[in-house]
Protein backbone atom coordinates (compact mmCIF):
# COMPACT_ATOMS: atom_id res chain seq x y z
CA MET A 1 -12.86 -34.44 19.60
CA HIS A 2 -15.67 -34.50 17.50
CA ILE A 3 -16.86 -38.36 16.87
CA ARG A 4 -19.91 -39.30 14.43
CA SER A 5 -21.12 -42.20 14.56
CA PRO A 6 -22.82 -43.64 11.29
CA ARG A 7 -26.25 -42.59 10.35
CA ALA A 8 -29.17 -44.75 11.76
CA LEU A 9 -30.36 -47.15 9.00
CA SER A 10 -33.88 -46.58 8.67
CA ARG A 11 -36.61 -44.47 11.01
CA GLU A 12 -40.10 -45.87 10.88
CA PHE A 13 -41.70 -42.51 11.75
CA ASP A 14 -42.12 -39.15 10.20
CA THR A 15 -41.34 -35.63 11.07
CA SER A 16 -45.41 -34.83 12.51
CA HIS A 17 -44.91 -37.60 14.63
CA PHE A 18 -41.10 -37.08 15.89
CA ARG A 19 -42.55 -33.81 17.09
CA ARG A 20 -45.80 -34.73 18.77
CA ALA A 21 -43.21 -37.35 20.66
CA LEU A 22 -40.65 -34.78 21.27
CA SER A 23 -43.27 -32.60 22.46
CA GLN A 24 -44.27 -34.40 25.89
CA PHE A 25 -40.80 -33.68 27.13
CA ALA A 26 -41.44 -30.60 29.03
CA THR A 27 -38.73 -28.50 28.97
CA GLY A 28 -37.82 -25.00 30.43
CA VAL A 29 -38.29 -21.96 28.38
CA THR A 30 -35.20 -19.26 27.97
CA ILE A 31 -35.01 -16.16 26.05
CA ILE A 32 -31.35 -15.93 24.17
CA THR A 33 -30.23 -12.03 24.06
CA THR A 34 -27.19 -10.22 22.68
CA ARG A 35 -26.00 -7.01 21.68
CA LEU A 36 -25.78 -6.70 17.74
CA SER A 37 -22.63 -4.64 16.34
CA ASP A 38 -25.15 -1.52 15.79
CA GLY A 39 -26.06 -1.62 19.33
CA SER A 40 -29.52 -2.84 19.01
CA PHE A 41 -30.86 -5.77 20.72
CA LEU A 42 -31.51 -9.15 19.50
CA GLY A 43 -34.10 -11.92 21.58
CA LEU A 44 -35.44 -15.25 20.70
CA THR A 45 -37.60 -17.57 22.26
CA ALA A 46 -35.82 -21.04 23.05
CA SER A 47 -36.19 -24.07 25.07
CA SER A 48 -33.25 -25.93 23.72
CA PHE A 49 -31.28 -25.22 26.94
CA ASN A 50 -28.79 -27.92 28.75
CA SER A 51 -26.24 -27.75 31.04
CA VAL A 52 -23.23 -28.91 30.37
CA SER A 53 -20.28 -28.73 32.65
CA LEU A 54 -19.77 -27.69 36.13
CA GLU A 55 -15.88 -26.96 35.56
CA PRO A 56 -15.43 -25.49 33.00
CA PRO A 57 -19.08 -23.88 33.59
CA LEU A 58 -20.64 -24.68 29.91
CA VAL A 59 -24.09 -24.59 29.09
CA LEU A 60 -25.72 -25.44 25.78
CA TRP A 61 -28.83 -24.18 23.19
CA SER A 62 -29.80 -24.94 19.63
CA LEU A 63 -31.24 -22.67 17.09
CA ALA A 64 -32.21 -23.87 13.66
CA ASN A 65 -29.92 -23.53 10.35
CA ALA A 66 -33.16 -21.67 8.78
CA SER A 67 -33.05 -18.99 11.46
CA ALA A 68 -33.18 -15.14 10.38
CA SER A 69 -30.38 -14.59 14.06
CA LEU A 70 -28.01 -17.13 12.94
CA ASP A 71 -25.62 -15.10 11.73
CA ALA A 72 -25.81 -12.51 14.66
CA PHE A 73 -25.64 -15.21 17.43
CA SER A 74 -22.84 -17.23 15.54
CA GLY A 75 -20.78 -13.54 15.04
CA ASN A 76 -21.05 -12.34 18.47
CA SER A 77 -18.98 -12.60 21.50
CA HIS A 78 -21.21 -12.93 24.15
CA TYR A 79 -24.94 -14.00 24.86
CA VAL A 80 -27.35 -13.82 27.47
CA ILE A 81 -29.62 -16.96 28.50
CA ASN A 82 -32.13 -16.07 30.53
CA VAL A 83 -34.51 -18.67 32.42
CA LEU A 84 -38.40 -17.49 31.94
CA SER A 85 -40.60 -17.58 35.39
CA ALA A 86 -44.18 -18.56 35.27
CA GLN A 87 -44.94 -14.97 35.20
CA GLN A 88 -43.45 -14.49 31.68
CA VAL A 89 -45.43 -16.26 29.29
CA ALA A 90 -46.53 -12.87 27.69
CA LEU A 91 -42.46 -12.66 26.99
CA ALA A 92 -41.71 -16.00 25.98
CA GLU A 93 -44.80 -15.26 23.29
CA ARG A 94 -43.25 -11.82 22.39
CA PHE A 95 -39.83 -13.11 21.32
CA GLY A 96 -40.87 -16.12 19.75
CA LYS A 97 -42.71 -13.98 17.21
CA ARG A 98 -40.82 -12.08 14.02
CA ARG A 99 -41.18 -8.08 14.91
CA THR A 100 -39.48 -5.65 14.40
CA ASN A 101 -38.36 -3.95 17.55
CA LYS A 102 -38.85 -7.14 20.74
CA PHE A 103 -37.44 -4.54 23.24
CA ASP A 104 -39.87 -1.94 22.93
CA GLY A 105 -41.43 -1.31 26.50
CA ILE A 106 -39.96 -4.30 27.99
CA ASP A 107 -37.67 -3.96 31.32
CA TYR A 108 -34.02 -4.81 31.01
CA GLN A 109 -30.28 -4.34 32.62
CA LEU A 110 -27.08 -4.48 30.76
CA SER A 111 -24.75 -6.88 31.57
CA ARG A 112 -20.99 -6.39 32.09
CA THR A 113 -20.33 -6.64 28.39
CA GLY A 114 -23.67 -4.82 26.98
CA GLN A 115 -26.07 -7.62 27.26
CA PRO A 116 -29.83 -7.67 27.47
CA VAL A 117 -30.58 -8.72 30.51
CA LEU A 118 -34.06 -10.05 31.40
CA THR A 119 -36.29 -8.03 34.43
CA GLY A 120 -37.74 -10.41 36.49
CA ALA A 121 -36.11 -14.37 34.72
CA ALA A 122 -35.51 -16.80 37.30
CA ALA A 123 -32.16 -17.17 36.62
CA TRP A 124 -29.57 -15.72 34.18
CA PHE A 125 -26.17 -16.71 32.64
CA GLU A 126 -23.92 -14.28 30.72
CA CYS A 127 -21.74 -16.68 28.09
CA HIS A 128 -18.76 -16.01 26.11
CA ASN A 129 -19.74 -17.73 22.45
CA ARG A 130 -17.31 -20.74 23.24
CA SER A 131 -18.29 -22.98 19.84
CA ARG A 132 -20.63 -24.34 17.79
CA TYR A 133 -21.76 -27.18 16.32
CA PRO A 134 -23.75 -28.03 13.19
CA GLU A 135 -25.92 -30.85 13.77
CA GLY A 136 -28.38 -31.77 11.16
CA ASP A 137 -31.05 -28.56 10.62
CA HIS A 138 -29.92 -26.82 13.62
CA VAL A 139 -26.74 -25.10 15.25
CA ILE A 140 -25.56 -26.29 18.71
CA PHE A 141 -24.36 -23.30 20.63
CA VAL A 142 -21.68 -23.80 23.57
CA GLY A 143 -21.47 -20.83 26.03
CA GLU A 144 -18.76 -20.78 28.70
CA VAL A 145 -20.90 -18.97 31.59
CA GLU A 146 -18.87 -15.79 32.88
CA GLN A 147 -21.47 -14.38 34.71
CA CYS A 148 -25.19 -15.66 36.39
CA GLU A 149 -28.26 -15.03 38.87
CA VAL A 150 -30.57 -16.25 40.22
CA GLN A 151 -33.71 -15.67 41.62
CA PRO A 152 -35.57 -18.48 42.28
CA GLN A 153 -39.46 -18.46 41.50
CA ALA A 154 -41.93 -20.40 40.17
CA GLY A 155 -40.85 -21.57 36.38
CA LEU A 156 -42.27 -21.56 32.97
CA ILE A 157 -42.38 -24.90 30.86
CA PHE A 158 -43.27 -26.24 27.69
CA HIS A 159 -45.01 -28.75 27.47
CA ASN A 160 -47.05 -30.80 24.53
CA GLY A 161 -47.25 -27.22 22.56
CA LYS A 162 -48.39 -24.87 24.71
CA PHE A 163 -46.32 -22.66 28.05
CA VAL A 164 -47.34 -24.39 31.47
CA LYS A 165 -46.25 -22.68 34.71
CA THR A 166 -45.02 -24.44 37.55
CA THR A 167 -46.51 -23.97 41.06
CA ASP A 168 -43.21 -24.23 43.06
CA ALA A 169 -39.97 -21.96 43.25
């Protein structure tokens, strides 16, 4: 069931101020990957990742409505959420920019459904694209985890507009 409350009556801040306030919340960094119908791969950097449920195992992430990748991720049955390690800043930057083939020269393996899993990730979750919820200027994707792996190591986080490495695994 989707319950919607009435909209807030007013706000006393602008988008820039809201973005600055949000930047104070440190988040993990992920790269979401999928295989397109033509066999090529698509990937993007995202810090909007959260666990939802243990039973069934559900996670979520969100993507801007304006993203050129929205249709591909909305239409695909599966994707992989790669949780980046502290050593993967260059990957986060690479997949955060527009470029034609982000996978050139990148080490990866294929999941059981043929999705790219990035080598060196601290963890990864192969998800069935269970549901999508449009909210504001984003779509929230809920994935049901079908397979996951973990390699505990120092993580990569995003805080105050920049990547920061944790020191502990």
